[in-house]
């Protein structure tokens, strides 16, 4: 997460990277990939939105949503297939869209289906006059 002075490109602070979990349950995460490989396209696979919340319960394969979403429908600002095995999404949330609060979870969604969830640790504290950019990266590997 990168925090900017609202309305500018002045970086106030950056957080360390947090690990995420691509969930694996029916109609979510890894299962969506399998469905598409089998020709079942009931649910979209494209990541179209994100949510941010304040629940710090560990992410599990059975998650279907955030524990307590505070802001939903955060649109994808940019997406970049940076290598053949890595993709990065950026989500930009303005000062007026994200209330001053403490946030501890973030999830990306293929339409309304949770794809991956991460716990923000340490928690992200948003203050007045700050815009927030979230970079969400998924790396695929065979290990």
N, C-alpha and C. Protein backbone atom coordinates (compact mmCIF):
# COMPACT_ATOMS: atom_id res chain seq x y z
N UNK A 1 0.85 -1.16 0.00
CA UNK A 1 0.00 0.00 0.00
C UNK A 1 0.89 1.23 0.00
N UNK A 2 0.52 2.17 -0.84
CA UNK A 2 1.26 3.41 -0.93
C UNK A 2 0.30 4.54 -0.59
N UNK A 3 0.70 5.38 0.34
CA UNK A 3 -0.12 6.49 0.78
C UNK A 3 0.43 7.78 0.19
N UNK A 4 -0.46 8.55 -0.44
CA UNK A 4 -0.10 9.81 -1.06
C UNK A 4 -0.81 10.97 -0.35
N UNK A 5 -0.18 12.13 -0.38
CA UNK A 5 -0.88 13.33 0.03
C UNK A 5 -2.01 13.51 -0.97
N UNK A 6 -3.24 13.67 -0.46
CA UNK A 6 -4.43 13.70 -1.31
C UNK A 6 -4.28 14.66 -2.48
N UNK A 7 -4.64 14.15 -3.66
CA UNK A 7 -4.63 14.96 -4.87
C UNK A 7 -3.26 15.23 -5.46
N UNK A 8 -2.23 14.58 -4.92
CA UNK A 8 -0.86 14.79 -5.43
C UNK A 8 -0.20 13.44 -5.69
N UNK A 9 1.03 13.51 -6.15
CA UNK A 9 1.84 12.31 -6.31
C UNK A 9 2.93 12.25 -5.25
N UNK A 10 2.74 13.00 -4.15
CA UNK A 10 3.72 13.02 -3.07
C UNK A 10 3.49 11.81 -2.18
N UNK A 11 4.48 10.90 -2.14
CA UNK A 11 4.37 9.68 -1.33
C UNK A 11 4.64 10.03 0.13
N UNK A 12 3.69 9.67 1.00
CA UNK A 12 3.84 9.88 2.43
C UNK A 12 4.46 8.67 3.11
N UNK A 13 4.07 7.46 2.66
CA UNK A 13 4.63 6.23 3.23
C UNK A 13 4.23 5.04 2.36
N UNK A 14 4.97 3.96 2.53
CA UNK A 14 4.69 2.69 1.86
C UNK A 14 4.74 1.58 2.90
N UNK A 15 3.87 0.59 2.75
CA UNK A 15 3.90 -0.54 3.66
C UNK A 15 4.75 -1.65 3.06
N UNK A 16 5.14 -2.60 3.89
CA UNK A 16 5.80 -3.80 3.40
C UNK A 16 4.78 -4.66 2.68
N UNK A 17 5.27 -5.61 1.88
CA UNK A 17 4.39 -6.54 1.17
C UNK A 17 3.74 -7.50 2.17
N UNK A 18 2.49 -7.85 1.91
CA UNK A 18 1.77 -8.85 2.70
C UNK A 18 1.46 -10.03 1.79
N UNK A 19 1.53 -11.22 2.33
CA UNK A 19 1.18 -12.41 1.53
C UNK A 19 -0.32 -12.48 1.36
N UNK A 20 -0.74 -13.09 0.25
CA UNK A 20 -2.16 -13.28 0.01
C UNK A 20 -2.43 -14.77 -0.15
N UNK A 21 -3.68 -15.12 -0.09
CA UNK A 21 -4.11 -16.51 -0.30
C UNK A 21 -5.13 -16.52 -1.42
N UNK A 22 -4.82 -17.23 -2.50
CA UNK A 22 -5.82 -17.47 -3.53
C UNK A 22 -6.69 -18.57 -2.96
N UNK A 23 -7.95 -18.26 -2.69
CA UNK A 23 -8.84 -19.22 -2.03
C UNK A 23 -9.13 -20.40 -2.95
N UNK A 24 -9.62 -21.47 -2.37
CA UNK A 24 -9.88 -22.69 -3.14
C UNK A 24 -11.13 -23.37 -2.62
N UNK A 25 -12.27 -22.86 -3.03
CA UNK A 25 -13.54 -23.49 -2.69
C UNK A 25 -14.50 -23.29 -3.86
N UNK A 26 -15.59 -23.98 -3.85
CA UNK A 26 -16.52 -23.97 -4.98
C UNK A 26 -16.89 -22.55 -5.41
N UNK A 27 -16.66 -22.26 -6.69
CA UNK A 27 -17.01 -20.99 -7.33
C UNK A 27 -16.16 -19.80 -6.87
N UNK A 28 -15.01 -20.06 -6.29
CA UNK A 28 -14.12 -18.99 -5.83
C UNK A 28 -12.67 -19.38 -6.12
N UNK A 29 -11.83 -18.37 -6.35
CA UNK A 29 -10.39 -18.57 -6.46
C UNK A 29 -9.95 -19.62 -7.46
N UNK A 30 -9.14 -20.56 -6.98
CA UNK A 30 -8.59 -21.59 -7.85
C UNK A 30 -9.66 -22.39 -8.56
N UNK A 31 -10.82 -22.59 -7.91
CA UNK A 31 -11.89 -23.35 -8.53
C UNK A 31 -12.41 -22.64 -9.78
N UNK A 32 -12.40 -21.31 -9.81
CA UNK A 32 -12.82 -20.58 -11.00
C UNK A 32 -11.90 -20.88 -12.18
N UNK A 33 -10.60 -21.00 -11.91
CA UNK A 33 -9.66 -21.34 -12.98
C UNK A 33 -9.98 -22.72 -13.53
N UNK A 34 -10.18 -23.68 -12.64
CA UNK A 34 -10.51 -25.04 -13.09
C UNK A 34 -11.80 -25.05 -13.91
N UNK A 35 -12.81 -24.31 -13.46
CA UNK A 35 -14.08 -24.26 -14.20
C UNK A 35 -13.84 -23.74 -15.62
N UNK A 36 -13.07 -22.68 -15.75
CA UNK A 36 -12.83 -22.10 -17.08
C UNK A 36 -12.03 -23.06 -17.95
N UNK A 37 -11.08 -23.77 -17.37
CA UNK A 37 -10.31 -24.76 -18.15
C UNK A 37 -11.22 -25.88 -18.65
N UNK A 38 -12.29 -26.16 -17.90
CA UNK A 38 -13.24 -27.21 -18.29
C UNK A 38 -14.35 -26.67 -19.20
N UNK A 39 -14.32 -25.37 -19.47
CA UNK A 39 -15.32 -24.79 -20.36
C UNK A 39 -16.56 -24.26 -19.66
N UNK A 40 -16.56 -24.28 -18.33
CA UNK A 40 -17.69 -23.74 -17.57
C UNK A 40 -17.41 -22.28 -17.27
N UNK A 41 -18.26 -21.40 -17.80
CA UNK A 41 -18.02 -19.96 -17.64
C UNK A 41 -19.17 -19.26 -16.93
N UNK A 42 -19.80 -19.98 -16.02
CA UNK A 42 -20.90 -19.40 -15.25
C UNK A 42 -20.45 -18.13 -14.53
N UNK A 43 -19.26 -18.20 -13.95
CA UNK A 43 -18.71 -17.05 -13.24
C UNK A 43 -17.51 -16.52 -14.01
N UNK A 44 -17.39 -15.21 -14.07
CA UNK A 44 -16.26 -14.59 -14.76
C UNK A 44 -14.96 -14.90 -14.03
N UNK A 45 -13.87 -14.81 -14.75
CA UNK A 45 -12.56 -15.04 -14.16
C UNK A 45 -11.76 -13.74 -14.02
N UNK A 46 -12.14 -12.72 -14.79
CA UNK A 46 -11.42 -11.44 -14.76
C UNK A 46 -11.60 -10.75 -13.40
N UNK A 47 -10.50 -10.28 -12.85
CA UNK A 47 -10.55 -9.51 -11.60
C UNK A 47 -11.08 -8.12 -11.94
N UNK A 48 -12.22 -7.76 -11.33
CA UNK A 48 -12.88 -6.49 -11.67
C UNK A 48 -13.00 -5.52 -10.50
N UNK A 49 -12.78 -6.01 -9.28
CA UNK A 49 -12.95 -5.12 -8.13
C UNK A 49 -12.20 -5.65 -6.93
N UNK A 50 -12.16 -4.82 -5.90
CA UNK A 50 -11.55 -5.19 -4.63
C UNK A 50 -12.41 -4.66 -3.50
N UNK A 51 -12.13 -5.17 -2.31
CA UNK A 51 -12.77 -4.69 -1.09
C UNK A 51 -11.69 -4.54 -0.03
N UNK A 52 -11.92 -3.63 0.91
CA UNK A 52 -11.02 -3.44 2.03
C UNK A 52 -11.86 -3.46 3.30
N UNK A 53 -11.32 -4.07 4.34
CA UNK A 53 -12.08 -4.19 5.58
C UNK A 53 -11.21 -4.17 6.81
N UNK A 54 -11.83 -4.50 7.95
CA UNK A 54 -11.11 -4.38 9.22
C UNK A 54 -11.06 -5.67 10.04
N UNK A 55 -11.27 -6.82 9.41
CA UNK A 55 -11.21 -8.10 10.11
C UNK A 55 -9.82 -8.70 9.91
N UNK A 56 -9.16 -9.07 10.99
CA UNK A 56 -7.81 -9.63 10.86
C UNK A 56 -7.77 -11.14 11.04
N UNK A 57 -8.92 -11.80 10.88
CA UNK A 57 -8.96 -13.26 10.94
C UNK A 57 -8.16 -13.81 9.77
N UNK A 58 -7.31 -14.80 10.03
CA UNK A 58 -6.46 -15.37 8.99
C UNK A 58 -7.28 -15.81 7.77
N UNK A 59 -6.72 -15.58 6.60
CA UNK A 59 -7.36 -16.02 5.35
C UNK A 59 -7.32 -17.54 5.28
N UNK A 60 -8.42 -18.15 4.77
CA UNK A 60 -8.49 -19.60 4.59
C UNK A 60 -9.03 -19.92 3.21
N UNK A 61 -8.82 -21.17 2.78
CA UNK A 61 -9.34 -21.61 1.49
C UNK A 61 -10.86 -21.49 1.41
N UNK A 62 -11.55 -21.55 2.54
CA UNK A 62 -13.01 -21.52 2.56
C UNK A 62 -13.60 -20.12 2.52
N UNK A 63 -12.78 -19.08 2.54
CA UNK A 63 -13.31 -17.71 2.50
C UNK A 63 -14.07 -17.47 1.19
N UNK A 64 -15.20 -16.79 1.32
CA UNK A 64 -15.99 -16.40 0.15
C UNK A 64 -16.18 -14.88 0.09
N UNK A 65 -15.71 -14.18 1.11
CA UNK A 65 -15.80 -12.72 1.18
C UNK A 65 -14.83 -12.27 2.25
N UNK A 66 -14.70 -10.97 2.43
CA UNK A 66 -13.91 -10.46 3.54
C UNK A 66 -14.67 -10.71 4.84
N UNK A 67 -13.96 -10.68 5.94
CA UNK A 67 -14.60 -10.86 7.24
C UNK A 67 -15.54 -9.71 7.56
N UNK A 68 -15.09 -8.47 7.25
CA UNK A 68 -15.93 -7.29 7.49
C UNK A 68 -15.53 -6.19 6.51
N UNK A 69 -16.11 -6.24 5.33
CA UNK A 69 -15.79 -5.25 4.30
C UNK A 69 -16.30 -3.87 4.71
N UNK A 70 -15.43 -2.87 4.59
CA UNK A 70 -15.81 -1.48 4.88
C UNK A 70 -16.10 -0.75 3.58
N UNK A 71 -15.25 -0.96 2.57
CA UNK A 71 -15.45 -0.35 1.26
C UNK A 71 -15.45 -1.47 0.22
N UNK A 72 -16.51 -1.51 -0.59
CA UNK A 72 -16.64 -2.50 -1.65
C UNK A 72 -16.58 -1.80 -3.00
N UNK A 73 -16.56 -2.58 -4.05
CA UNK A 73 -16.60 -2.06 -5.42
C UNK A 73 -15.46 -1.10 -5.74
N UNK A 74 -14.26 -1.40 -5.21
CA UNK A 74 -13.08 -0.60 -5.56
C UNK A 74 -12.64 -1.06 -6.95
N UNK A 75 -12.70 -0.17 -7.91
CA UNK A 75 -12.41 -0.52 -9.30
C UNK A 75 -10.91 -0.72 -9.53
N UNK A 76 -10.60 -1.58 -10.49
CA UNK A 76 -9.22 -1.78 -10.91
C UNK A 76 -8.77 -0.50 -11.63
N UNK A 77 -7.65 0.07 -11.19
CA UNK A 77 -7.11 1.25 -11.85
C UNK A 77 -6.24 0.84 -13.03
N UNK A 78 -5.36 -0.13 -12.81
CA UNK A 78 -4.53 -0.66 -13.89
C UNK A 78 -4.27 -2.14 -13.64
N UNK A 79 -3.95 -2.85 -14.70
CA UNK A 79 -3.55 -4.25 -14.60
C UNK A 79 -2.38 -4.45 -15.54
N UNK A 80 -1.38 -5.22 -15.09
CA UNK A 80 -0.18 -5.41 -15.89
C UNK A 80 0.32 -6.84 -15.74
N UNK A 81 0.37 -7.56 -16.84
CA UNK A 81 0.97 -8.89 -16.84
C UNK A 81 2.47 -8.66 -16.96
N UNK A 82 3.14 -8.57 -15.82
CA UNK A 82 4.53 -8.14 -15.79
C UNK A 82 5.50 -9.20 -16.28
N UNK A 83 5.18 -10.47 -16.10
CA UNK A 83 5.98 -11.57 -16.65
C UNK A 83 5.01 -12.65 -17.08
N UNK A 84 5.54 -13.77 -17.59
CA UNK A 84 4.65 -14.86 -18.00
C UNK A 84 4.02 -15.56 -16.80
N UNK A 85 4.51 -15.28 -15.59
CA UNK A 85 3.95 -15.94 -14.40
C UNK A 85 3.55 -14.96 -13.30
N UNK A 86 3.44 -13.67 -13.62
CA UNK A 86 3.09 -12.68 -12.61
C UNK A 86 2.15 -11.63 -13.19
N UNK A 87 1.18 -11.23 -12.37
CA UNK A 87 0.26 -10.17 -12.76
C UNK A 87 0.10 -9.21 -11.58
N UNK A 88 -0.02 -7.93 -11.90
CA UNK A 88 -0.16 -6.90 -10.87
C UNK A 88 -1.40 -6.07 -11.16
N UNK A 89 -2.24 -5.92 -10.17
CA UNK A 89 -3.39 -5.03 -10.24
C UNK A 89 -3.11 -3.85 -9.33
N UNK A 90 -3.54 -2.67 -9.76
CA UNK A 90 -3.47 -1.49 -8.90
C UNK A 90 -4.88 -0.97 -8.68
N UNK A 91 -5.14 -0.63 -7.44
CA UNK A 91 -6.42 -0.07 -7.02
C UNK A 91 -6.12 1.27 -6.36
N UNK A 92 -6.83 2.32 -6.80
CA UNK A 92 -6.61 3.65 -6.25
C UNK A 92 -7.86 4.10 -5.53
N UNK A 93 -7.70 4.50 -4.26
CA UNK A 93 -8.83 4.91 -3.43
C UNK A 93 -8.55 6.33 -2.93
N UNK A 94 -9.42 7.25 -3.30
CA UNK A 94 -9.21 8.65 -2.91
C UNK A 94 -9.53 8.86 -1.43
N UNK A 95 -9.05 9.97 -0.94
CA UNK A 95 -9.28 10.36 0.45
C UNK A 95 -10.77 10.33 0.79
N UNK A 96 -11.61 10.83 -0.11
CA UNK A 96 -13.05 10.90 0.17
C UNK A 96 -13.74 9.53 0.09
N UNK A 97 -13.14 8.57 -0.63
CA UNK A 97 -13.73 7.24 -0.76
C UNK A 97 -13.40 6.31 0.40
N UNK A 98 -12.27 6.57 1.07
CA UNK A 98 -11.81 5.70 2.15
C UNK A 98 -11.80 6.48 3.45
N UNK A 99 -12.68 6.10 4.35
CA UNK A 99 -12.80 6.79 5.63
C UNK A 99 -11.53 6.63 6.46
N UNK A 100 -11.28 7.61 7.33
CA UNK A 100 -10.17 7.50 8.26
C UNK A 100 -10.48 6.34 9.21
N UNK A 101 -9.63 5.33 9.20
CA UNK A 101 -9.90 4.13 9.98
C UNK A 101 -8.66 3.25 9.94
N UNK A 102 -8.74 2.11 10.60
CA UNK A 102 -7.69 1.11 10.58
C UNK A 102 -8.19 -0.07 9.77
N UNK A 103 -7.40 -0.48 8.77
CA UNK A 103 -7.80 -1.55 7.85
C UNK A 103 -6.85 -2.73 7.98
N UNK A 104 -7.44 -3.95 7.97
CA UNK A 104 -6.62 -5.14 8.21
C UNK A 104 -6.84 -6.25 7.20
N UNK A 105 -7.65 -6.03 6.17
CA UNK A 105 -7.85 -7.07 5.16
C UNK A 105 -8.16 -6.43 3.81
N UNK A 106 -7.77 -7.16 2.77
CA UNK A 106 -8.00 -6.70 1.41
C UNK A 106 -8.26 -7.93 0.55
N UNK A 107 -9.22 -7.83 -0.35
CA UNK A 107 -9.52 -8.97 -1.21
C UNK A 107 -9.79 -8.52 -2.62
N UNK A 108 -9.45 -9.39 -3.59
CA UNK A 108 -9.74 -9.12 -4.99
C UNK A 108 -10.82 -10.08 -5.46
N UNK A 109 -11.66 -9.60 -6.37
CA UNK A 109 -12.86 -10.32 -6.77
C UNK A 109 -12.99 -10.41 -8.28
N UNK A 110 -13.41 -11.58 -8.75
CA UNK A 110 -13.82 -11.78 -10.13
C UNK A 110 -15.33 -11.54 -10.12
N UNK A 111 -15.72 -10.36 -10.53
CA UNK A 111 -17.09 -9.86 -10.36
C UNK A 111 -17.42 -9.92 -8.87
N UNK A 112 -18.31 -10.81 -8.43
CA UNK A 112 -18.66 -10.89 -7.00
C UNK A 112 -18.04 -12.09 -6.30
N UNK A 113 -17.20 -12.85 -7.00
CA UNK A 113 -16.61 -14.06 -6.43
C UNK A 113 -15.22 -13.74 -5.89
N UNK A 114 -15.00 -13.98 -4.59
CA UNK A 114 -13.68 -13.76 -4.01
C UNK A 114 -12.66 -14.62 -4.73
N UNK A 115 -11.55 -14.00 -5.12
CA UNK A 115 -10.47 -14.75 -5.75
C UNK A 115 -9.31 -14.93 -4.76
N UNK A 116 -8.90 -13.84 -4.12
CA UNK A 116 -7.79 -13.91 -3.17
C UNK A 116 -8.00 -12.89 -2.06
N UNK A 117 -7.45 -13.21 -0.90
CA UNK A 117 -7.61 -12.36 0.28
C UNK A 117 -6.28 -12.27 1.01
N UNK A 118 -5.99 -11.09 1.54
CA UNK A 118 -4.78 -10.93 2.33
C UNK A 118 -5.10 -10.18 3.62
N UNK A 119 -4.31 -10.50 4.63
CA UNK A 119 -4.39 -9.78 5.90
C UNK A 119 -3.31 -8.70 5.86
N UNK A 120 -3.69 -7.49 6.17
CA UNK A 120 -2.76 -6.36 6.17
C UNK A 120 -2.11 -6.31 7.55
N UNK A 121 -0.82 -6.59 7.57
CA UNK A 121 -0.10 -6.65 8.86
C UNK A 121 1.28 -6.03 8.68
N UNK A 122 1.59 -4.99 9.44
CA UNK A 122 0.71 -4.36 10.43
C UNK A 122 -0.46 -3.66 9.75
N UNK A 123 -1.47 -3.39 10.54
CA UNK A 123 -2.69 -2.76 10.02
C UNK A 123 -2.36 -1.45 9.31
N UNK A 124 -3.19 -1.11 8.33
CA UNK A 124 -3.04 0.14 7.57
C UNK A 124 -3.94 1.18 8.22
N UNK A 125 -3.34 2.27 8.69
CA UNK A 125 -4.08 3.35 9.32
C UNK A 125 -4.16 4.51 8.34
N UNK A 126 -5.38 4.81 7.91
CA UNK A 126 -5.61 5.89 6.95
C UNK A 126 -6.05 7.13 7.70
N UNK A 127 -5.45 8.26 7.37
CA UNK A 127 -5.76 9.53 8.02
C UNK A 127 -6.32 10.53 7.01
N UNK A 128 -6.86 11.62 7.51
CA UNK A 128 -7.41 12.68 6.67
C UNK A 128 -6.35 13.23 5.72
N UNK A 129 -6.76 13.48 4.48
CA UNK A 129 -5.86 14.08 3.50
C UNK A 129 -4.95 13.08 2.81
N UNK A 130 -5.35 11.79 2.81
CA UNK A 130 -4.51 10.76 2.21
C UNK A 130 -5.27 9.95 1.16
N UNK A 131 -4.64 9.79 -0.01
CA UNK A 131 -5.12 8.87 -1.03
C UNK A 131 -4.34 7.57 -0.86
N UNK A 132 -4.93 6.46 -1.28
CA UNK A 132 -4.31 5.15 -1.07
C UNK A 132 -4.25 4.38 -2.39
N UNK A 133 -3.08 3.85 -2.69
CA UNK A 133 -2.94 2.95 -3.83
C UNK A 133 -2.55 1.58 -3.29
N UNK A 134 -3.25 0.56 -3.76
CA UNK A 134 -2.94 -0.81 -3.37
C UNK A 134 -2.42 -1.53 -4.60
N UNK A 135 -1.23 -2.10 -4.48
CA UNK A 135 -0.67 -2.94 -5.54
C UNK A 135 -0.87 -4.38 -5.10
N UNK A 136 -1.54 -5.17 -5.92
CA UNK A 136 -1.84 -6.57 -5.58
C UNK A 136 -1.20 -7.45 -6.63
N UNK A 137 -0.26 -8.29 -6.22
CA UNK A 137 0.52 -9.11 -7.15
C UNK A 137 0.24 -10.58 -6.89
N UNK A 138 0.06 -11.32 -7.96
CA UNK A 138 -0.04 -12.78 -7.86
C UNK A 138 1.03 -13.37 -8.76
N UNK A 139 1.84 -14.25 -8.16
CA UNK A 139 2.88 -14.99 -8.87
C UNK A 139 2.44 -16.44 -8.96
N UNK A 140 2.55 -17.01 -10.15
CA UNK A 140 2.27 -18.44 -10.32
C UNK A 140 3.59 -19.18 -10.40
N UNK A 141 3.65 -20.32 -9.71
CA UNK A 141 4.86 -21.13 -9.82
C UNK A 141 4.50 -22.60 -9.65
N UNK A 142 5.40 -23.46 -10.03
CA UNK A 142 5.17 -24.89 -9.96
C UNK A 142 5.80 -25.55 -8.75
N UNK A 143 6.06 -24.80 -7.71
CA UNK A 143 6.67 -25.40 -6.52
C UNK A 143 5.64 -25.61 -5.45
